[in-house]
Amino acid sequence: MKKVALFLAVFALVVAPQLALAAANIEPGLNMLASPLGLGTRDLRETIASIINVAMGLLGIVAVLIILLGGFKWMTAMGNDENIKKAKSLIIAGVIGLIIILTAYAIATFVVNSILKAV
């Protein structure tokens, strides 16, 4: 019994400092591991802001394409009142969508800038 207790005490004294050193040196290992994996060092808030900017840009492109489609349909309507009415509704929907997207972009930019400057 004394031998087991002595062995456990010596083992604890030998292993405990190694565990402490391993915990202290974890940061360089994580940085070394993150580099080959392609993990970025950017802040999460900046990444989210970039994603929002890209999404708003794509939505703006879609709205402009809807407006262009409405204009194309209007030009190819050849005087047909029903087709002209559909084309006008497409253009109006595209303009309303573009206004909503630009407003959302302005609000998102304000919020993201406030969050980035807060900390």
PDB file of N, CA and C in Angstrom:
ATOM      1  N   MET A   1       0.814  -1.180   0.000  1.00  0.00           N
ATOM      2  CA  MET A   1       0.000   0.000   0.000  1.00  0.00           C
ATOM      3  C   MET A   1       0.869   1.259   0.000  1.00  0.00           C
ATOM      4  N   LYS A   2       1.944   1.220   0.810  1.00  0.00           N
ATOM      5  CA  LYS A   2       2.843   2.357   0.862  1.00  0.00           C
ATOM      6  C   LYS A   2       3.557   2.543  -0.472  1.00  0.00           C
ATOM      7  N   LYS A   3       3.874   1.440  -1.136  1.00  0.00           N
ATOM      8  CA  LYS A   3       4.559   1.531  -2.424  1.00  0.00           C
ATOM      9  C   LYS A   3       3.651   2.172  -3.479  1.00  0.00           C
ATOM     10  N   VAL A   4       2.380   1.818  -3.458  1.00  0.00           N
ATOM     11  CA  VAL A   4       1.428   2.385  -4.421  1.00  0.00           C
ATOM     12  C   VAL A   4       1.250   3.874  -4.163  1.00  0.00           C
ATOM     13  N   ALA A   5       1.132   4.260  -2.891  1.00  0.00           N
ATOM     14  CA  ALA A   5       0.978   5.668  -2.545  1.00  0.00           C
ATOM     15  C   ALA A   5       2.225   6.450  -2.925  1.00  0.00           C
ATOM     16  N   LEU A   6       3.402   5.884  -2.666  1.00  0.00           N
ATOM     17  CA  LEU A   6       4.652   6.542  -3.029  1.00  0.00           C
ATOM     18  C   LEU A   6       4.771   6.676  -4.547  1.00  0.00           C
ATOM     19  N   PHE A   7       4.411   5.629  -5.260  1.00  0.00           N
ATOM     20  CA  PHE A   7       4.458   5.669  -6.724  1.00  0.00           C
ATOM     21  C   PHE A   7       3.510   6.745  -7.266  1.00  0.00           C
ATOM     22  N   LEU A   8       2.296   6.814  -6.744  1.00  0.00           N
ATOM     23  CA  LEU A   8       1.334   7.822  -7.194  1.00  0.00           C
ATOM     24  C   LEU A   8       1.810   9.234  -6.870  1.00  0.00           C
ATOM     25  N   ALA A   9       2.429   9.418  -5.718  1.00  0.00           N
ATOM     26  CA  ALA A   9       2.934  10.738  -5.345  1.00  0.00           C
ATOM     27  C   ALA A   9       4.060  11.167  -6.274  1.00  0.00           C
ATOM     28  N   VAL A  10       5.004  10.273  -6.544  1.00  0.00           N
ATOM     29  CA  VAL A  10       6.111  10.592  -7.451  1.00  0.00           C
ATOM     30  C   VAL A  10       5.585  10.835  -8.863  1.00  0.00           C
ATOM     31  N   PHE A  11       4.661   9.999  -9.283  1.00  0.00           N
ATOM     32  CA  PHE A  11       4.077  10.156 -10.619  1.00  0.00           C
ATOM     33  C   PHE A  11       3.380  11.511 -10.746  1.00  0.00           C
ATOM     34  N   ALA A  12       2.637  11.903  -9.714  1.00  0.00           N
ATOM     35  CA  ALA A  12       1.948  13.192  -9.735  1.00  0.00           C
ATOM     36  C   ALA A  12       2.945  14.339  -9.772  1.00  0.00           C
ATOM     37  N   LEU A  13       4.032  14.226  -9.023  1.00  0.00           N
ATOM     38  CA  LEU A  13       5.040  15.282  -9.017  1.00  0.00           C
ATOM     39  C   LEU A  13       5.767  15.390 -10.354  1.00  0.00           C
ATOM     40  N   VAL A  14       5.904  14.305 -11.060  1.00  0.00           N
ATOM     41  CA  VAL A  14       6.582  14.324 -12.356  1.00  0.00           C
ATOM     42  C   VAL A  14       5.645  14.811 -13.460  1.00  0.00           C
ATOM     43  N   VAL A  15       4.397  14.376 -13.415  1.00  0.00           N
ATOM     44  CA  VAL A  15       3.461  14.669 -14.503  1.00  0.00           C
ATOM     45  C   VAL A  15       2.837  16.056 -14.377  1.00  0.00           C
ATOM     46  N   ALA A  16       2.598  16.541 -13.178  1.00  0.00           N
ATOM     47  CA  ALA A  16       1.912  17.819 -12.985  1.00  0.00           C
ATOM     48  C   ALA A  16       2.617  18.986 -13.678  1.00  0.00           C
ATOM     49  N   PRO A  17       3.938  19.147 -13.546  1.00  0.00           N
ATOM     50  CA  PRO A  17       4.588  20.252 -14.258  1.00  0.00           C
ATOM     51  C   PRO A  17       4.486  20.114 -15.778  1.00  0.00           C
ATOM     52  N   GLN A  18       4.512  18.902 -16.267  1.00  0.00           N
ATOM     53  CA  GLN A  18       4.403  18.695 -17.712  1.00  0.00           C
ATOM     54  C   GLN A  18       3.033  19.138 -18.222  1.00  0.00           C
ATOM     55  N   LEU A  19       1.997  18.856 -17.461  1.00  0.00           N
ATOM     56  CA  LEU A  19       0.655  19.285 -17.854  1.00  0.00           C
ATOM     57  C   LEU A  19       0.545  20.802 -17.854  1.00  0.00           C
ATOM     58  N   ALA A  20       1.150  21.438 -16.858  1.00  0.00           N
ATOM     59  CA  ALA A  20       1.116  22.898 -16.793  1.00  0.00           C
ATOM     60  C   ALA A  20       1.869  23.503 -17.970  1.00  0.00           C
ATOM     61  N   LEU A  21       3.008  22.950 -18.312  1.00  0.00           N
ATOM     62  CA  LEU A  21       3.772  23.455 -19.451  1.00  0.00           C
ATOM     63  C   LEU A  21       3.037  23.217 -20.761  1.00  0.00           C
ATOM     64  N   ALA A  22       2.353  22.109 -20.860  1.00  0.00           N
ATOM     65  CA  ALA A  22       1.603  21.819 -22.081  1.00  0.00           C
ATOM     66  C   ALA A  22       0.467  22.815 -22.253  1.00  0.00           C
ATOM     67  N   ALA A  23      -0.198  23.184 -21.175  1.00  0.00           N
ATOM     68  CA  ALA A  23      -1.287  24.150 -21.262  1.00  0.00           C
ATOM     69  C   ALA A  23      -0.757  25.540 -21.577  1.00  0.00           C
ATOM     70  N   ALA A  24       0.425  25.880 -21.081  1.00  0.00           N
ATOM     71  CA  ALA A  24       0.996  27.199 -21.322  1.00  0.00           C
ATOM     72  C   ALA A  24       1.457  27.349 -22.762  1.00  0.00           C
ATOM     73  N   ASN A  25       1.849  26.281 -23.408  1.00  0.00           N
ATOM     74  CA  ASN A  25       2.388  26.354 -24.761  1.00  0.00           C
ATOM     75  C   ASN A  25       1.365  25.997 -25.833  1.00  0.00           C
ATOM     76  N   ILE A  26       0.093  26.094 -25.541  1.00  0.00           N
ATOM     77  CA  ILE A  26      -0.906  25.691 -26.528  1.00  0.00           C
ATOM     78  C   ILE A  26      -1.092  26.754 -27.609  1.00  0.00           C
ATOM     79  N   GLU A  27      -0.862  28.029 -27.289  1.00  0.00           N
ATOM     80  CA  GLU A  27      -1.076  29.115 -28.249  1.00  0.00           C
ATOM     81  C   GLU A  27      -0.194  28.992 -29.496  1.00  0.00           C
ATOM     82  N   PRO A  28       1.122  28.803 -29.383  1.00  0.00           N
ATOM     83  CA  PRO A  28       1.930  28.663 -30.597  1.00  0.00           C
ATOM     84  C   PRO A  28       1.521  27.458 -31.438  1.00  0.00           C
ATOM     85  N   GLY A  29       1.118  26.404 -30.775  1.00  0.00           N
ATOM     86  CA  GLY A  29       0.684  25.225 -31.516  1.00  0.00           C
ATOM     87  C   GLY A  29      -0.581  25.491 -32.310  1.00  0.00           C
ATOM     88  N   LEU A  30      -1.499  26.245 -31.714  1.00  0.00           N
ATOM     89  CA  LEU A  30      -2.728  26.582 -32.433  1.00  0.00           C
ATOM     90  C   LEU A  30      -2.433  27.485 -33.615  1.00  0.00           C
ATOM     91  N   ASN A  31      -1.551  28.462 -33.428  1.00  0.00           N
ATOM     92  CA  ASN A  31      -1.196  29.344 -34.538  1.00  0.00           C
ATOM     93  C   ASN A  31      -0.487  28.577 -35.644  1.00  0.00           C
ATOM     94  N   MET A  32       0.377  27.642 -35.269  1.00  0.00           N
ATOM     95  CA  MET A  32       1.089  26.849 -36.260  1.00  0.00           C
ATOM     96  C   MET A  32       0.118  25.940 -37.014  1.00  0.00           C
ATOM     97  N   LEU A  33      -0.891  25.442 -36.326  1.00  0.00           N
ATOM     98  CA  LEU A  33      -1.874  24.573 -36.959  1.00  0.00           C
ATOM     99  C   LEU A  33      -2.832  25.366 -37.835  1.00  0.00           C
ATOM    100  N   ALA A  34      -3.168  26.583 -37.423  1.00  0.00           N
ATOM    101  CA  ALA A  34      -4.137  27.382 -38.161  1.00  0.00           C
ATOM    102  C   ALA A  34      -3.585  27.842 -39.500  1.00  0.00           C
ATOM    103  N   SER A  35      -2.302  28.089 -39.586  1.00  0.00           N
ATOM    104  CA  SER A  35      -1.714  28.602 -40.815  1.00  0.00           C
ATOM    105  C   SER A  35      -1.848  27.642 -41.992  1.00  0.00           C
ATOM    106  N   PRO A  36      -1.472  26.363 -41.875  1.00  0.00           N
ATOM    107  CA  PRO A  36      -1.630  25.471 -43.025  1.00  0.00           C
ATOM    108  C   PRO A  36      -3.090  25.173 -43.360  1.00  0.00           C
ATOM    109  N   LEU A  37      -3.970  25.296 -42.381  1.00  0.00           N
ATOM    110  CA  LEU A  37      -5.381  25.020 -42.639  1.00  0.00           C
ATOM    111  C   LEU A  37      -6.064  26.158 -43.378  1.00  0.00           C
ATOM    112  N   GLY A  38      -5.421  27.311 -43.448  1.00  0.00           N
ATOM    113  CA  GLY A  38      -6.005  28.444 -44.137  1.00  0.00           C
ATOM    114  C   GLY A  38      -6.980  29.224 -43.284  1.00  0.00           C
ATOM    115  N   LEU A  39      -6.904  29.062 -41.978  1.00  0.00           N
ATOM    116  CA  LEU A  39      -7.784  29.817 -41.100  1.00  0.00           C
ATOM    117  C   LEU A  39      -7.302  31.254 -41.045  1.00  0.00           C
ATOM    118  N   GLY A  40      -8.223  32.175 -41.143  1.00  0.00           N
ATOM    119  CA  GLY A  40      -7.855  33.575 -41.148  1.00  0.00           C
ATOM    120  C   GLY A  40      -7.643  34.116 -39.751  1.00  0.00           C
ATOM    121  N   THR A  41      -7.032  35.270 -39.706  1.00  0.00           N
ATOM    122  CA  THR A  41      -6.812  35.932 -38.427  1.00  0.00           C
ATOM    123  C   THR A  41      -7.717  37.142 -38.275  1.00  0.00           C
ATOM    124  N   ARG A  42      -8.662  37.316 -39.211  1.00  0.00           N
ATOM    125  CA  ARG A  42      -9.580  38.448 -39.138  1.00  0.00           C
ATOM    126  C   ARG A  42     -10.589  38.244 -38.025  1.00  0.00           C
ATOM    127  N   ASP A  43     -11.104  39.359 -37.551  1.00  0.00           N
ATOM    128  CA  ASP A  43     -12.127  39.338 -36.518  1.00  0.00           C
ATOM    129  C   ASP A  43     -13.432  38.821 -37.112  1.00  0.00           C
ATOM    130  N   LEU A  44     -14.211  38.134 -36.309  1.00  0.00           N
ATOM    131  CA  LEU A  44     -15.480  37.575 -36.776  1.00  0.00           C
ATOM    132  C   LEU A  44     -16.426  38.673 -37.243  1.00  0.00           C
ATOM    133  N   ARG A  45     -16.398  39.822 -36.581  1.00  0.00           N
ATOM    134  CA  ARG A  45     -17.278  40.931 -36.976  1.00  0.00           C
ATOM    135  C   ARG A  45     -16.934  41.436 -38.369  1.00  0.00           C
ATOM    136  N   GLU A  46     -15.648  41.493 -38.690  1.00  0.00           N
ATOM    137  CA  GLU A  46     -15.231  41.924 -40.025  1.00  0.00           C
ATOM    138  C   GLU A  46     -15.665  40.915 -41.081  1.00  0.00           C
ATOM    139  N   THR A  47     -15.588  39.644 -40.757  1.00  0.00           N
ATOM    140  CA  THR A  47     -16.016  38.604 -41.693  1.00  0.00           C
ATOM    141  C   THR A  47     -17.513  38.703 -41.953  1.00  0.00           C
ATOM    142  N   ILE A  48     -18.295  38.906 -40.903  1.00  0.00           N
ATOM    143  CA  ILE A  48     -19.743  39.049 -41.060  1.00  0.00           C
ATOM    144  C   ILE A  48     -20.062  40.292 -41.876  1.00  0.00           C
ATOM    145  N   ALA A  49     -19.341  41.391 -41.649  1.00  0.00           N
ATOM    146  CA  ALA A  49     -19.555  42.609 -42.428  1.00  0.00           C
ATOM    147  C   ALA A  49     -19.264  42.363 -43.907  1.00  0.00           C
ATOM    148  N   SER A  50     -18.218  41.613 -44.201  1.00  0.00           N
ATOM    149  CA  SER A  50     -17.895  41.296 -45.598  1.00  0.00           C
ATOM    150  C   SER A  50     -18.986  40.446 -46.238  1.00  0.00           C
ATOM    151  N   ILE A  51     -19.507  39.479 -45.490  1.00  0.00           N
ATOM    152  CA  ILE A  51     -20.584  38.631 -46.015  1.00  0.00           C
ATOM    153  C   ILE A  51     -21.829  39.462 -46.301  1.00  0.00           C
ATOM    154  N   ILE A  52     -22.169  40.382 -45.393  1.00  0.00           N
ATOM    155  CA  ILE A  52     -23.338  41.247 -45.597  1.00  0.00           C
ATOM    156  C   ILE A  52     -23.140  42.119 -46.829  1.00  0.00           C
ATOM    157  N   ASN A  53     -21.940  42.679 -46.997  1.00  0.00           N
ATOM    158  CA  ASN A  53     -21.677  43.526 -48.165  1.00  0.00           C
ATOM    159  C   ASN A  53     -21.805  42.745 -49.467  1.00  0.00           C
ATOM    160  N   VAL A  54     -21.298  41.536 -49.499  1.00  0.00           N
ATOM    161  CA  VAL A  54     -21.397  40.720 -50.712  1.00  0.00           C
ATOM    162  C   VAL A  54     -22.854  40.358 -50.995  1.00  0.00           C
ATOM    163  N   ALA A  55     -23.591  39.987 -49.955  1.00  0.00           N
ATOM    164  CA  ALA A  55     -25.002  39.617 -50.137  1.00  0.00           C
ATOM    165  C   ALA A  55     -25.814  40.803 -50.651  1.00  0.00           C
ATOM    166  N   MET A  56     -25.586  41.977 -50.093  1.00  0.00           N
ATOM    167  CA  MET A  56     -26.320  43.163 -50.550  1.00  0.00           C
ATOM    168  C   MET A  56     -25.946  43.512 -51.991  1.00  0.00           C
ATOM    169  N   GLY A  57     -24.686  43.338 -52.332  1.00  0.00           N
ATOM    170  CA  GLY A  57     -24.273  43.589 -53.711  1.00  0.00           C
ATOM    171  C   GLY A  57     -24.954  42.653 -54.694  1.00  0.00           C
ATOM    172  N   LEU A  58     -25.038  41.370 -54.336  1.00  0.00           N
ATOM    173  CA  LEU A  58     -25.717  40.403 -55.211  1.00  0.00           C
ATOM    174  C   LEU A  58     -27.207  40.709 -55.331  1.00  0.00           C
ATOM    175  N   LEU A  59     -27.837  41.096 -54.222  1.00  0.00           N
ATOM    176  CA  LEU A  59     -29.257  41.455 -54.283  1.00  0.00           C
ATOM    177  C   LEU A  59     -29.477  42.692 -55.147  1.00  0.00           C
ATOM    178  N   GLY A  60     -28.559  43.649 -55.078  1.00  0.00           N
ATOM    179  CA  GLY A  60     -28.657  44.832 -55.934  1.00  0.00           C
ATOM    180  C   GLY A  60     -28.546  44.469 -57.407  1.00  0.00           C
ATOM    181  N   ILE A  61     -27.662  43.546 -57.724  1.00  0.00           N
ATOM    182  CA  ILE A  61     -27.527  43.091 -59.113  1.00  0.00           C
ATOM    183  C   ILE A  61     -28.813  42.424 -59.587  1.00  0.00           C
ATOM    184  N   VAL A  62     -29.425  41.615 -58.726  1.00  0.00           N
ATOM    185  CA  VAL A  62     -30.687  40.951 -59.089  1.00  0.00           C
ATOM    186  C   VAL A  62     -31.777  41.986 -59.344  1.00  0.00           C
ATOM    187  N   ALA A  63     -31.857  43.022 -58.501  1.00  0.00           N
ATOM    188  CA  ALA A  63     -32.881  44.055 -58.689  1.00  0.00           C
ATOM    189  C   ALA A  63     -32.670  44.803 -60.004  1.00  0.00           C
ATOM    190  N   VAL A  64     -31.432  45.117 -60.327  1.00  0.00           N
ATOM    191  CA  VAL A  64     -31.152  45.805 -61.595  1.00  0.00           C
ATOM    192  C   VAL A  64     -31.490  44.899 -62.779  1.00  0.00           C
ATOM    193  N   LEU A  65     -31.207  43.609 -62.663  1.00  0.00           N
ATOM    194  CA  LEU A  65     -31.566  42.680 -63.744  1.00  0.00           C
ATOM    195  C   LEU A  65     -33.086  42.600 -63.929  1.00  0.00           C
ATOM    196  N   ILE A  66     -33.840  42.679 -62.839  1.00  0.00           N
ATOM    197  CA  ILE A  66     -35.307  42.679 -62.954  1.00  0.00           C
ATOM    198  C   ILE A  66     -35.775  43.937 -63.675  1.00  0.00           C
ATOM    199  N   ILE A  67     -35.163  45.073 -63.371  1.00  0.00           N
ATOM    200  CA  ILE A  67     -35.513  46.316 -64.064  1.00  0.00           C
ATOM    201  C   ILE A  67     -35.174  46.204 -65.550  1.00  0.00           C
ATOM    202  N   LEU A  68     -34.007  45.655 -65.864  1.00  0.00           N
ATOM    203  CA  LEU A  68     -33.623  45.479 -67.270  1.00  0.00           C
ATOM    204  C   LEU A  68     -34.560  44.515 -67.993  1.00  0.00           C
ATOM    205  N   LEU A  69     -34.974  43.458 -67.318  1.00  0.00           N
ATOM    206  CA  LEU A  69     -35.915  42.514 -67.917  1.00  0.00           C
ATOM    207  C   LEU A  69     -37.250  43.190 -68.212  1.00  0.00           C
ATOM    208  N   GLY A  70     -37.707  44.018 -67.274  1.00  0.00           N
ATOM    209  CA  GLY A  70     -38.944  44.765 -67.510  1.00  0.00           C
ATOM    210  C   GLY A  70     -38.817  45.707 -68.699  1.00  0.00           C
ATOM    211  N   GLY A  71     -37.677  46.375 -68.818  1.00  0.00           N
ATOM    212  CA  GLY A  71     -37.458  47.262 -69.964  1.00  0.00           C
ATOM    213  C   GLY A  71     -37.412  46.493 -71.274  1.00  0.00           C
ATOM    214  N   PHE A  72     -36.778  45.327 -71.256  1.00  0.00           N
ATOM    215  CA  PHE A  72     -36.725  44.501 -72.464  1.00  0.00           C
ATOM    216  C   PHE A  72     -38.122  44.033 -72.864  1.00  0.00           C
ATOM    217  N   LYS A  73     -38.907  43.614 -71.878  1.00  0.00           N
ATOM    218  CA  LYS A  73     -40.274  43.167 -72.187  1.00  0.00           C
ATOM    219  C   LYS A  73     -41.124  44.315 -72.713  1.00  0.00           C
ATOM    220  N   TRP A  74     -40.899  45.514 -72.189  1.00  0.00           N
ATOM    221  CA  TRP A  74     -41.662  46.662 -72.662  1.00  0.00           C
ATOM    222  C   TRP A  74     -41.301  46.979 -74.118  1.00  0.00           C
ATOM    223  N   MET A  75     -40.002  46.901 -74.434  1.00  0.00           N
ATOM    224  CA  MET A  75     -39.579  47.193 -75.807  1.00  0.00           C
ATOM    225  C   MET A  75     -40.082  46.143 -76.786  1.00  0.00           C
ATOM    226  N   THR A  76     -40.202  44.906 -76.340  1.00  0.00           N
ATOM    227  CA  THR A  76     -40.642  43.840 -77.242  1.00  0.00           C
ATOM    228  C   THR A  76     -42.142  43.576 -77.151  1.00  0.00           C
ATOM    229  N   ALA A  77     -42.879  44.435 -76.445  1.00  0.00           N
ATOM    230  CA  ALA A  77     -44.327  44.235 -76.301  1.00  0.00           C
ATOM    231  C   ALA A  77     -45.069  44.545 -77.601  1.00  0.00           C
ATOM    232  N   MET A  78     -44.503  45.346 -78.446  1.00  0.00           N
ATOM    233  CA  MET A  78     -45.080  45.712 -79.747  1.00  0.00           C
ATOM    234  C   MET A  78     -46.491  46.279 -79.617  1.00  0.00           C
ATOM    235  N   GLY A  79     -46.682  47.140 -78.631  1.00  0.00           N
ATOM    236  CA  GLY A  79     -47.964  47.817 -78.483  1.00  0.00           C
ATOM    237  C   GLY A  79     -49.034  47.017 -77.770  1.00  0.00           C
ATOM    238  N   ASN A  80     -48.757  45.802 -77.375  1.00  0.00           N
ATOM    239  CA  ASN A  80     -49.735  44.983 -76.662  1.00  0.00           C
ATOM    240  C   ASN A  80     -49.873  45.530 -75.234  1.00  0.00           C
ATOM    241  N   ASP A  81     -51.085  46.014 -74.915  1.00  0.00           N
ATOM    242  CA  ASP A  81     -51.301  46.658 -73.617  1.00  0.00           C
ATOM    243  C   ASP A  81     -51.067  45.712 -72.438  1.00  0.00           C
ATOM    244  N   GLU A  82     -51.421  44.447 -72.596  1.00  0.00           N
ATOM    245  CA  GLU A  82     -51.246  43.490 -71.503  1.00  0.00           C
ATOM    246  C   GLU A  82     -49.762  43.258 -71.213  1.00  0.00           C
ATOM    247  N   ASN A  83     -48.957  43.125 -72.262  1.00  0.00           N
ATOM    248  CA  ASN A  83     -47.515  42.926 -72.074  1.00  0.00           C
ATOM    249  C   ASN A  83     -46.841  44.181 -71.518  1.00  0.00           C
ATOM    250  N   ILE A  84     -47.323  45.347 -71.950  1.00  0.00           N
ATOM    251  CA  ILE A  84     -46.772  46.600 -71.425  1.00  0.00           C
ATOM    252  C   ILE A  84     -47.080  46.721 -69.938  1.00  0.00           C
ATOM    253  N   LYS A  85     -48.291  46.324 -69.552  1.00  0.00           N
ATOM    254  CA  LYS A  85     -48.674  46.381 -68.140  1.00  0.00           C
ATOM    255  C   LYS A  85     -47.790  45.442 -67.299  1.00  0.00           C
ATOM    256  N   LYS A  86     -47.516  44.243 -67.809  1.00  0.00           N
ATOM    257  CA  LYS A  86     -46.633  43.306 -67.100  1.00  0.00           C
ATOM    258  C   LYS A  86     -45.214  43.872 -66.998  1.00  0.00           C
ATOM    259  N   ALA A  87     -44.746  44.494 -68.086  1.00  0.00           N
ATOM    260  CA  ALA A  87     -43.396  45.062 -68.086  1.00  0.00           C
ATOM    261  C   ALA A  87     -43.290  46.212 -67.084  1.00  0.00           C
ATOM    262  N   LYS A  88     -44.330  47.063 -67.045  1.00  0.00           N
ATOM    263  CA  LYS A  88     -44.325  48.166 -66.081  1.00  0.00           C
ATOM    264  C   LYS A  88     -44.320  47.644 -64.648  1.00  0.00           C
ATOM    265  N   SER A  89     -45.084  46.583 -64.406  1.00  0.00           N
ATOM    266  CA  SER A  89     -45.115  46.034 -63.045  1.00  0.00           C
ATOM    267  C   SER A  89     -43.753  45.435 -62.669  1.00  0.00           C
ATOM    268  N   LEU A  90     -43.060  44.842 -63.643  1.00  0.00           N
ATOM    269  CA  LEU A  90     -41.708  44.337 -63.375  1.00  0.00           C
ATOM    270  C   LEU A  90     -40.747  45.477 -63.036  1.00  0.00           C
ATOM    271  N   ILE A  91     -40.831  46.559 -63.794  1.00  0.00           N
ATOM    272  CA  ILE A  91     -39.944  47.698 -63.541  1.00  0.00           C
ATOM    273  C   ILE A  91     -40.237  48.308 -62.175  1.00  0.00           C
ATOM    274  N   ILE A  92     -41.514  48.469 -61.852  1.00  0.00           N
ATOM    275  CA  ILE A  92     -41.882  49.037 -60.550  1.00  0.00           C
ATOM    276  C   ILE A  92     -41.422  48.121 -59.418  1.00  0.00           C
ATOM    277  N   ALA A  93     -41.612  46.820 -59.583  1.00  0.00           N
ATOM    278  CA  ALA A  93     -41.166  45.874 -58.554  1.00  0.00           C
ATOM    279  C   ALA A  93     -39.650  45.922 -58.392  1.00  0.00           C
ATOM    280  N   GLY A  94     -38.931  46.041 -59.500  1.00  0.00           N
ATOM    281  CA  GLY A  94     -37.474  46.132 -59.432  1.00  0.00           C
ATOM    282  C   GLY A  94     -37.000  47.394 -58.727  1.00  0.00           C
ATOM    283  N   VAL A  95     -37.667  48.515 -59.009  1.00  0.00           N
ATOM    284  CA  VAL A  95     -37.291  49.777 -58.363  1.00  0.00           C
ATOM    285  C   VAL A  95     -37.596  49.724 -56.863  1.00  0.00           C
ATOM    286  N   ILE A  96     -38.771  49.186 -56.513  1.00  0.00           N
ATOM    287  CA  ILE A  96     -39.111  49.049 -55.087  1.00  0.00           C
ATOM    288  C   ILE A  96     -38.109  48.121 -54.395  1.00  0.00           C
ATOM    289  N   GLY A  97     -37.769  47.030 -55.041  1.00  0.00           N
ATOM    290  CA  GLY A  97     -36.775  46.116 -54.476  1.00  0.00           C
ATOM    291  C   GLY A  97     -35.422  46.786 -54.303  1.00  0.00           C
ATOM    292  N   LEU A  98     -35.031  47.589 -55.284  1.00  0.00           N
ATOM    293  CA  LEU A  98     -33.750  48.287 -55.196  1.00  0.00           C
ATOM    294  C   LEU A  98     -33.749  49.293 -54.049  1.00  0.00           C
ATOM    295  N   ILE A  99     -34.871  49.985 -53.860  1.00  0.00           N
ATOM    296  CA  ILE A  99     -34.975  50.929 -52.736  1.00  0.00           C
ATOM    297  C   ILE A  99     -34.863  50.186 -51.405  1.00  0.00           C
ATOM    298  N   ILE A 100     -35.546  49.052 -51.299  1.00  0.00           N
ATOM    299  CA  ILE A 100     -35.479  48.257 -50.064  1.00  0.00           C
ATOM    300  C   ILE A 100     -34.055  47.760 -49.824  1.00  0.00           C
ATOM    301  N   ILE A 101     -33.395  47.299 -50.881  1.00  0.00           N
ATOM    302  CA  ILE A 101     -32.028  46.784 -50.744  1.00  0.00           C
ATOM    303  C   ILE A 101     -31.066  47.894 -50.332  1.00  0.00           C
ATOM    304  N   LEU A 102     -31.191  49.071 -50.936  1.00  0.00           N
ATOM    305  CA  LEU A 102     -30.304  50.182 -50.577  1.00  0.00           C
ATOM    306  C   LEU A 102     -30.541  50.641 -49.141  1.00  0.00           C
ATOM    307  N   THR A 103     -31.808  50.653 -48.717  1.00  0.00           N
ATOM    308  CA  THR A 103     -32.109  51.008 -47.329  1.00  0.00           C
ATOM    309  C   THR A 103     -31.531  49.973 -46.368  1.00  0.00           C
ATOM    310  N   ALA A 104     -31.698  48.702 -46.696  1.00  0.00           N
ATOM    311  CA  ALA A 104     -31.139  47.640 -45.849  1.00  0.00           C
ATOM    312  C   ALA A 104     -29.618  47.724 -45.811  1.00  0.00           C
ATOM    313  N   TYR A 105     -29.004  48.066 -46.931  1.00  0.00           N
ATOM    314  CA  TYR A 105     -27.550  48.207 -46.974  1.00  0.00           C
ATOM    315  C   TYR A 105     -27.090  49.355 -46.073  1.00  0.00           C
ATOM    316  N   ALA A 106     -27.822  50.478 -46.131  1.00  0.00           N
ATOM    317  CA  ALA A 106     -27.458  51.618 -45.287  1.00  0.00           C
ATOM    318  C   ALA A 106     -27.595  51.269 -43.807  1.00  0.00           C
ATOM    319  N   ILE A 107     -28.680  50.599 -43.444  1.00  0.00           N
ATOM    320  CA  ILE A 107     -28.885  50.208 -42.047  1.00  0.00           C
ATOM    321  C   ILE A 107     -27.816  49.207 -41.612  1.00  0.00           C
ATOM    322  N   ALA A 108     -27.542  48.220 -42.455  1.00  0.00           N
ATOM    323  CA  ALA A 108     -26.538  47.206 -42.111  1.00  0.00           C
ATOM    324  C   ALA A 108     -25.156  47.830 -41.971  1.00  0.00           C
ATOM    325  N   THR A 109     -24.818  48.765 -42.847  1.00  0.00           N
ATOM    326  CA  THR A 109     -23.524  49.436 -42.760  1.00  0.00           C
ATOM    327  C   THR A 109     -23.414  50.234 -41.468  1.00  0.00           C
ATOM    328  N   PHE A 110     -24.489  50.934 -41.105  1.00  0.00           N
ATOM    329  CA  PHE A 110     -24.487  51.697 -39.856  1.00  0.00           C
ATOM    330  C   PHE A 110     -24.307  50.783 -38.646  1.00  0.00           C
ATOM    331  N   VAL A 111     -25.054  49.688 -38.616  1.00  0.00           N
ATOM    332  CA  VAL A 111     -24.981  48.763 -37.479  1.00  0.00           C
ATOM    333  C   VAL A 111     -23.604  48.110 -37.397  1.00  0.00           C
ATOM    334  N   VAL A 112     -23.087  47.655 -38.529  1.00  0.00           N
ATOM    335  CA  VAL A 112     -21.778  46.987 -38.528  1.00  0.00           C
ATOM    336  C   VAL A 112     -20.680  47.958 -38.107  1.00  0.00           C
ATOM    337  N   ASN A 113     -20.717  49.188 -38.613  1.00  0.00           N
ATOM    338  CA  ASN A 113     -19.706  50.168 -38.210  1.00  0.00           C
ATOM    339  C   ASN A 113     -19.807  50.490 -36.727  1.00  0.00           C
ATOM    340  N   SER A 114     -21.024  50.563 -36.204  1.00  0.00           N
ATOM    341  CA  SER A 114     -21.197  50.809 -34.767  1.00  0.00           C
ATOM    342  C   SER A 114     -20.639  49.657 -33.946  1.00  0.00           C
ATOM    343  N   ILE A 115     -20.871  48.435 -34.399  1.00  0.00           N
ATOM    344  CA  ILE A 115     -20.363  47.272 -33.671  1.00  0.00           C
ATOM    345  C   ILE A 115     -18.840  47.206 -33.749  1.00  0.00           C
ATOM    346  N   LEU A 116     -18.275  47.509 -34.912  1.00  0.00           N
ATOM    347  CA  LEU A 116     -16.819  47.450 -35.054  1.00  0.00           C
ATOM    348  C   LEU A 116     -16.121  48.509 -34.206  1.00  0.00           C
ATOM    349  N   LYS A 117     -16.745  49.681 -34.066  1.00  0.00           N
ATOM    350  CA  LYS A 117     -16.136  50.749 -33.277  1.00  0.00           C
ATOM    351  C   LYS A 117     -16.408  50.591 -31.787  1.00  0.00           C
ATOM    352  N   ALA A 118     -17.379  49.762 -31.421  1.00  0.00           N
ATOM    353  CA  ALA A 118     -17.773  49.630 -30.015  1.00  0.00           C
ATOM    354  C   ALA A 118     -16.690  48.983 -29.172  1.00  0.00           C
ATOM    355  N   VAL A 119     -15.971  48.059 -29.751  1.00  0.00           N
ATOM    356  CA  VAL A 119     -14.991  47.323 -28.937  1.00  0.00           C
ATOM    357  C   VAL A 119     -13.593  47.675 -29.357  1.00  0.00           C
TER     358      VAL A 119
END
